[in-house]
N, C-alpha and C. Protein backbone atom coordinates (compact mmCIF):
# COMPACT_ATOMS: atom_id res chain seq x y z
N MET A 1 7.94 -1.75 22.25
CA MET A 1 9.03 -1.60 21.27
C MET A 1 8.93 -2.70 20.28
N ILE A 2 9.11 -2.38 18.97
CA ILE A 2 9.05 -3.38 17.94
C ILE A 2 10.42 -4.04 17.82
N GLU A 3 10.47 -5.34 17.80
CA GLU A 3 11.76 -6.09 17.79
C GLU A 3 11.93 -6.97 16.62
N SER A 4 10.82 -7.48 16.04
CA SER A 4 11.01 -8.52 14.99
C SER A 4 10.47 -7.99 13.64
N LYS A 5 10.90 -8.68 12.58
CA LYS A 5 10.42 -8.33 11.26
C LYS A 5 8.94 -8.45 11.20
N GLY A 6 8.41 -9.51 11.74
CA GLY A 6 6.96 -9.72 11.67
C GLY A 6 6.17 -8.64 12.45
N GLN A 7 6.78 -8.13 13.53
CA GLN A 7 6.04 -7.03 14.22
C GLN A 7 6.07 -5.80 13.41
N TYR A 8 7.18 -5.51 12.72
CA TYR A 8 7.23 -4.34 11.83
C TYR A 8 6.17 -4.51 10.74
N GLU A 9 6.09 -5.69 10.11
CA GLU A 9 5.20 -5.90 9.03
C GLU A 9 3.73 -5.70 9.53
N SER A 10 3.44 -6.14 10.72
CA SER A 10 2.13 -6.07 11.32
C SER A 10 1.78 -4.58 11.55
N GLU A 11 2.75 -3.85 12.10
CA GLU A 11 2.49 -2.43 12.43
C GLU A 11 2.28 -1.62 11.10
N ILE A 12 3.04 -1.98 10.13
CA ILE A 12 2.85 -1.23 8.85
C ILE A 12 1.48 -1.60 8.24
N SER A 13 1.10 -2.84 8.24
CA SER A 13 -0.22 -3.27 7.75
C SER A 13 -1.37 -2.48 8.48
N LYS A 14 -1.31 -2.41 9.80
CA LYS A 14 -2.27 -1.71 10.58
C LYS A 14 -2.32 -0.17 10.24
N ALA A 15 -1.15 0.41 10.10
CA ALA A 15 -1.05 1.82 9.80
C ALA A 15 -1.61 2.13 8.38
N ILE A 16 -1.34 1.29 7.43
CA ILE A 16 -1.83 1.45 6.13
C ILE A 16 -3.37 1.32 6.11
N THR A 17 -3.88 0.37 6.84
CA THR A 17 -5.38 0.18 6.89
C THR A 17 -6.00 1.37 7.54
N HIS A 18 -5.39 1.92 8.56
CA HIS A 18 -5.90 3.14 9.24
C HIS A 18 -5.90 4.31 8.25
N TRP A 19 -4.77 4.48 7.46
CA TRP A 19 -4.69 5.54 6.50
C TRP A 19 -5.80 5.41 5.46
N GLU A 20 -6.01 4.17 4.95
CA GLU A 20 -7.08 3.97 3.90
C GLU A 20 -8.42 4.44 4.46
N LYS A 21 -8.77 4.06 5.71
CA LYS A 21 -10.06 4.40 6.27
C LYS A 21 -10.27 5.86 6.48
N GLU A 22 -9.14 6.53 7.00
CA GLU A 22 -9.16 7.98 7.23
C GLU A 22 -9.07 8.78 5.97
N TYR A 23 -8.22 8.43 5.06
CA TYR A 23 -7.91 9.29 3.93
C TYR A 23 -8.85 8.93 2.75
N LEU A 24 -9.10 7.64 2.50
CA LEU A 24 -9.95 7.26 1.30
C LEU A 24 -11.38 7.00 1.66
N GLY A 25 -11.70 6.89 2.98
CA GLY A 25 -13.07 6.75 3.38
C GLY A 25 -13.46 5.25 3.58
N ARG A 26 -12.62 4.34 3.16
CA ARG A 26 -12.89 2.91 3.33
C ARG A 26 -11.59 2.16 3.20
N GLY A 27 -11.55 0.97 3.85
CA GLY A 27 -10.35 0.19 3.79
C GLY A 27 -10.53 -1.05 2.92
N SER A 28 -9.36 -1.64 2.64
CA SER A 28 -9.40 -2.91 1.91
C SER A 28 -9.83 -4.01 2.79
N LEU A 29 -10.09 -5.20 2.14
CA LEU A 29 -10.51 -6.36 2.94
C LEU A 29 -9.32 -7.03 3.69
N ALA A 30 -8.12 -6.90 3.06
CA ALA A 30 -6.92 -7.50 3.69
C ALA A 30 -5.74 -6.73 3.26
N VAL A 31 -4.80 -6.57 4.22
CA VAL A 31 -3.53 -5.85 3.97
C VAL A 31 -2.38 -6.74 4.46
N LYS A 32 -1.34 -6.90 3.65
CA LYS A 32 -0.19 -7.70 4.05
C LYS A 32 1.07 -6.91 3.70
N ALA A 33 1.88 -6.60 4.64
CA ALA A 33 3.19 -5.91 4.36
C ALA A 33 4.31 -6.94 4.47
N ASP A 34 5.24 -6.84 3.58
CA ASP A 34 6.42 -7.69 3.59
C ASP A 34 7.71 -6.76 3.52
N ILE A 35 8.64 -7.08 4.32
CA ILE A 35 9.93 -6.39 4.26
C ILE A 35 10.89 -7.28 3.39
N PHE A 36 11.39 -6.73 2.30
CA PHE A 36 12.31 -7.51 1.49
C PHE A 36 13.43 -6.54 1.07
N ARG A 37 14.62 -6.82 1.54
CA ARG A 37 15.82 -6.04 1.37
C ARG A 37 15.54 -4.61 1.68
N ASP A 38 15.61 -3.71 0.74
CA ASP A 38 15.38 -2.30 0.98
C ASP A 38 13.99 -1.78 0.54
N MET A 39 13.04 -2.77 0.53
CA MET A 39 11.65 -2.44 0.11
C MET A 39 10.62 -2.89 1.18
N ILE A 40 9.57 -2.13 1.23
CA ILE A 40 8.39 -2.55 1.98
C ILE A 40 7.36 -2.79 0.86
N ILE A 41 6.90 -4.02 0.72
CA ILE A 41 5.92 -4.38 -0.29
C ILE A 41 4.65 -4.66 0.40
N ILE A 42 3.58 -3.92 -0.05
CA ILE A 42 2.29 -4.04 0.64
C ILE A 42 1.25 -4.50 -0.42
N THR A 43 0.57 -5.55 -0.05
CA THR A 43 -0.51 -6.08 -0.87
C THR A 43 -1.82 -5.80 -0.20
N LEU A 44 -2.70 -5.09 -0.94
CA LEU A 44 -4.05 -4.72 -0.36
C LEU A 44 -5.11 -5.44 -1.26
N LYS A 45 -5.92 -6.29 -0.68
CA LYS A 45 -6.93 -7.04 -1.37
C LYS A 45 -8.33 -6.44 -1.07
N GLY A 46 -9.17 -6.50 -2.11
CA GLY A 46 -10.55 -6.12 -1.95
C GLY A 46 -10.72 -4.63 -1.89
N ILE A 47 -10.00 -3.89 -2.72
CA ILE A 47 -10.11 -2.42 -2.60
C ILE A 47 -11.19 -1.83 -3.43
N LEU A 48 -11.67 -2.53 -4.47
CA LEU A 48 -12.72 -2.03 -5.37
C LEU A 48 -14.07 -2.24 -4.80
N THR A 49 -14.96 -1.35 -5.09
CA THR A 49 -16.34 -1.53 -4.63
C THR A 49 -17.07 -2.43 -5.65
N PRO A 50 -18.20 -3.01 -5.29
CA PRO A 50 -18.94 -3.89 -6.28
C PRO A 50 -19.23 -3.10 -7.53
N ALA A 51 -19.58 -1.85 -7.47
CA ALA A 51 -19.89 -1.04 -8.67
C ALA A 51 -18.65 -0.92 -9.54
N GLU A 52 -17.47 -0.71 -8.92
CA GLU A 52 -16.24 -0.59 -9.69
C GLU A 52 -15.92 -1.89 -10.42
N TYR A 53 -16.09 -3.04 -9.78
CA TYR A 53 -15.88 -4.33 -10.39
C TYR A 53 -16.77 -4.44 -11.66
N LYS A 54 -17.98 -4.00 -11.51
CA LYS A 54 -18.95 -4.11 -12.62
C LYS A 54 -18.54 -3.24 -13.75
N VAL A 55 -18.17 -1.99 -13.46
CA VAL A 55 -17.71 -1.03 -14.45
C VAL A 55 -16.41 -1.50 -15.13
N ALA A 56 -15.57 -2.06 -14.34
CA ALA A 56 -14.25 -2.55 -14.82
C ALA A 56 -14.35 -3.65 -15.89
N ASN A 57 -15.50 -4.29 -15.92
CA ASN A 57 -15.65 -5.41 -16.92
C ASN A 57 -15.88 -4.84 -18.32
N SER A 58 -16.21 -3.56 -18.46
CA SER A 58 -16.33 -3.01 -19.77
C SER A 58 -14.92 -2.58 -20.27
N GLN A 59 -14.68 -2.68 -21.57
CA GLN A 59 -13.37 -2.63 -22.09
C GLN A 59 -12.60 -1.37 -21.81
N ASN A 60 -13.17 -0.23 -21.93
CA ASN A 60 -12.40 1.03 -21.73
C ASN A 60 -12.46 1.58 -20.30
N SER A 61 -13.46 1.10 -19.58
CA SER A 61 -13.72 1.66 -18.21
C SER A 61 -12.65 1.32 -17.19
N TYR A 62 -12.04 0.21 -17.36
CA TYR A 62 -11.07 -0.23 -16.38
C TYR A 62 -9.87 0.75 -16.25
N LEU A 63 -9.55 1.39 -17.36
CA LEU A 63 -8.45 2.36 -17.32
C LEU A 63 -8.85 3.60 -16.49
N SER A 64 -10.10 4.04 -16.60
CA SER A 64 -10.58 5.17 -15.79
C SER A 64 -10.60 4.86 -14.35
N ILE A 65 -11.00 3.61 -13.97
CA ILE A 65 -11.01 3.19 -12.58
C ILE A 65 -9.57 3.19 -12.04
N LYS A 66 -8.67 2.61 -12.77
CA LYS A 66 -7.26 2.59 -12.38
C LYS A 66 -6.69 3.99 -12.21
N SER A 67 -7.06 4.90 -13.12
CA SER A 67 -6.53 6.23 -13.06
C SER A 67 -7.06 6.95 -11.86
N VAL A 68 -8.32 6.88 -11.61
CA VAL A 68 -8.98 7.63 -10.47
C VAL A 68 -8.36 7.04 -9.16
N ARG A 69 -8.34 5.73 -9.02
CA ARG A 69 -7.83 5.14 -7.76
C ARG A 69 -6.36 5.38 -7.56
N THR A 70 -5.57 5.43 -8.65
CA THR A 70 -4.15 5.76 -8.53
C THR A 70 -3.94 7.20 -8.13
N ASN A 71 -4.75 8.13 -8.68
CA ASN A 71 -4.68 9.56 -8.35
C ASN A 71 -5.04 9.81 -6.89
N LEU A 72 -6.04 9.01 -6.37
CA LEU A 72 -6.37 9.17 -4.97
C LEU A 72 -5.24 8.77 -4.07
N VAL A 73 -4.60 7.64 -4.37
CA VAL A 73 -3.50 7.17 -3.54
C VAL A 73 -2.27 8.18 -3.69
N GLU A 74 -1.97 8.49 -4.89
CA GLU A 74 -0.84 9.41 -5.18
C GLU A 74 -1.04 10.76 -4.42
N SER A 75 -2.24 11.21 -4.32
CA SER A 75 -2.53 12.49 -3.61
C SER A 75 -2.18 12.39 -2.09
N GLY A 76 -2.08 11.17 -1.57
CA GLY A 76 -1.77 11.03 -0.20
C GLY A 76 -0.36 10.46 0.07
N VAL A 77 0.43 10.50 -1.03
CA VAL A 77 1.74 9.76 -0.97
C VAL A 77 2.70 10.35 0.09
N ASN A 78 2.60 11.62 0.37
CA ASN A 78 3.47 12.21 1.46
C ASN A 78 3.10 11.60 2.83
N GLU A 79 1.79 11.47 3.10
CA GLU A 79 1.38 10.87 4.31
C GLU A 79 1.84 9.43 4.38
N LEU A 80 1.70 8.67 3.25
CA LEU A 80 2.11 7.25 3.27
C LEU A 80 3.59 7.15 3.56
N LYS A 81 4.39 7.97 2.90
CA LYS A 81 5.84 7.91 3.15
C LYS A 81 6.18 8.25 4.60
N GLU A 82 5.45 9.21 5.18
CA GLU A 82 5.69 9.59 6.53
C GLU A 82 5.34 8.37 7.52
N ILE A 83 4.27 7.65 7.20
CA ILE A 83 3.82 6.52 7.98
C ILE A 83 5.02 5.49 7.98
N ILE A 84 5.49 5.18 6.79
CA ILE A 84 6.62 4.18 6.70
C ILE A 84 7.87 4.68 7.48
N GLN A 85 8.21 5.95 7.23
CA GLN A 85 9.42 6.56 7.93
C GLN A 85 9.24 6.46 9.43
N ASN A 86 8.04 6.81 9.98
CA ASN A 86 7.84 6.83 11.37
C ASN A 86 7.93 5.45 12.01
N ILE A 87 7.49 4.41 11.26
CA ILE A 87 7.56 3.07 11.81
C ILE A 87 8.99 2.48 11.67
N THR A 88 9.59 2.63 10.53
CA THR A 88 10.86 2.04 10.26
C THR A 88 12.08 2.81 10.67
N MET A 89 11.87 4.15 10.81
CA MET A 89 13.00 5.14 11.07
C MET A 89 13.95 5.04 9.83
N GLN A 90 13.40 4.80 8.70
CA GLN A 90 14.21 4.73 7.41
C GLN A 90 13.68 5.78 6.50
N CYS A 91 14.53 6.39 5.71
CA CYS A 91 14.09 7.39 4.72
C CYS A 91 13.52 6.63 3.51
N VAL A 92 12.34 7.11 3.05
CA VAL A 92 11.69 6.51 1.84
C VAL A 92 12.24 7.29 0.65
N VAL A 93 12.87 6.52 -0.21
CA VAL A 93 13.46 7.09 -1.48
C VAL A 93 12.44 7.26 -2.56
N SER A 94 11.53 6.17 -2.71
CA SER A 94 10.53 6.34 -3.81
C SER A 94 9.34 5.44 -3.44
N PHE A 95 8.24 5.68 -4.17
CA PHE A 95 7.01 4.98 -3.98
C PHE A 95 6.45 4.56 -5.29
N HIS A 96 5.98 3.36 -5.41
CA HIS A 96 5.46 2.78 -6.63
C HIS A 96 4.12 2.03 -6.29
N THR A 97 3.13 2.12 -7.16
CA THR A 97 1.88 1.44 -6.97
C THR A 97 1.22 1.04 -8.24
N ASP A 98 0.41 -0.02 -8.13
CA ASP A 98 -0.39 -0.44 -9.27
C ASP A 98 -1.63 -1.16 -8.75
N LEU A 99 -2.65 -1.17 -9.60
CA LEU A 99 -3.94 -1.75 -9.26
C LEU A 99 -4.41 -2.74 -10.32
N SER A 100 -4.91 -3.89 -9.88
CA SER A 100 -5.50 -4.83 -10.84
C SER A 100 -7.04 -4.70 -10.75
N THR A 101 -7.64 -4.36 -11.82
CA THR A 101 -9.08 -4.18 -11.82
C THR A 101 -9.77 -5.62 -11.95
N LYS A 102 -8.94 -6.60 -12.33
CA LYS A 102 -9.47 -8.06 -12.40
C LYS A 102 -9.57 -8.62 -11.00
N THR A 103 -8.52 -8.47 -10.19
CA THR A 103 -8.51 -9.10 -8.87
C THR A 103 -8.92 -8.17 -7.72
N GLY A 104 -8.91 -6.87 -7.98
CA GLY A 104 -9.17 -5.88 -6.96
C GLY A 104 -8.09 -5.72 -6.03
N GLU A 105 -6.84 -6.06 -6.42
CA GLU A 105 -5.65 -5.92 -5.54
C GLU A 105 -4.85 -4.69 -5.95
N ARG A 106 -4.27 -4.03 -4.91
CA ARG A 106 -3.27 -3.02 -5.15
C ARG A 106 -1.99 -3.39 -4.56
N ILE A 107 -0.94 -3.08 -5.25
CA ILE A 107 0.47 -3.29 -4.69
C ILE A 107 1.10 -1.99 -4.49
N MET A 108 1.67 -1.80 -3.28
CA MET A 108 2.44 -0.57 -3.01
C MET A 108 3.85 -0.98 -2.67
N ILE A 109 4.84 -0.31 -3.21
CA ILE A 109 6.20 -0.57 -2.90
C ILE A 109 6.84 0.70 -2.45
N PHE A 110 7.46 0.66 -1.28
CA PHE A 110 8.21 1.75 -0.71
C PHE A 110 9.66 1.36 -0.80
N LYS A 111 10.45 2.06 -1.52
CA LYS A 111 11.91 1.83 -1.61
C LYS A 111 12.55 2.68 -0.53
N LEU A 112 13.38 1.98 0.31
CA LEU A 112 14.05 2.66 1.41
C LEU A 112 15.50 2.93 1.11
N GLU A 113 16.05 3.89 1.88
CA GLU A 113 17.44 4.29 1.61
C GLU A 113 18.44 3.16 1.95
N ASN A 114 18.07 2.31 2.89
CA ASN A 114 18.96 1.27 3.38
C ASN A 114 18.27 -0.09 3.30
N ASN A 115 19.14 -1.14 3.36
CA ASN A 115 18.58 -2.50 3.41
C ASN A 115 18.02 -2.76 4.80
N PHE A 116 16.75 -2.54 5.01
CA PHE A 116 16.02 -2.67 6.28
C PHE A 116 16.03 -4.08 6.78
N GLU A 117 15.91 -5.05 5.91
CA GLU A 117 15.83 -6.44 6.20
C GLU A 117 17.14 -6.94 6.95
N GLU A 118 18.25 -6.37 6.62
CA GLU A 118 19.45 -6.74 7.27
C GLU A 118 19.44 -6.61 8.80
N LEU A 119 18.65 -5.71 9.30
CA LEU A 119 18.52 -5.50 10.78
C LEU A 119 17.98 -6.75 11.44
N PHE A 120 17.39 -7.64 10.81
CA PHE A 120 16.72 -8.77 11.43
C PHE A 120 17.47 -10.06 11.25
N LYS A 121 18.73 -10.02 10.72
CA LYS A 121 19.53 -11.24 10.51
C LYS A 121 20.43 -11.42 11.64
C-alpha cells in the first residue's frame, strides 16, 4: 500500500517510464514526478534521439520534431490519464505537455479534480 507522497511520486514515475517503453518504443533517461496541490508534474529528460537533436539544430526543423513528438504523446493521452487515475484514485481533469528541443526535456502536467497534496499533510 502506498502511504507517502514520495511513494506516490515514485510509482507514477515508474508507470510513466513503463508506458513510454511500451507505447513509444523507448523510454527517457530520467523521469521525476512531483505532486503539487491538484497537479502531477512530470519531468522527462533525454527523450530525443541523437538524430532528433541534430535535426533540431536547424531553424525550421525543431517545430516538426516538437509536433511529431507531441502528437505521439497526445495519441496515448487516455492511457496516461488512466495510469494517473489508477495510482492516485483521483479524476484527471486535464492534461498539458510541452517539449524542449534544446534540452531534450518534456514536461507533462496532469490536473486533478481535487487537491491531492492535502492528503499528505
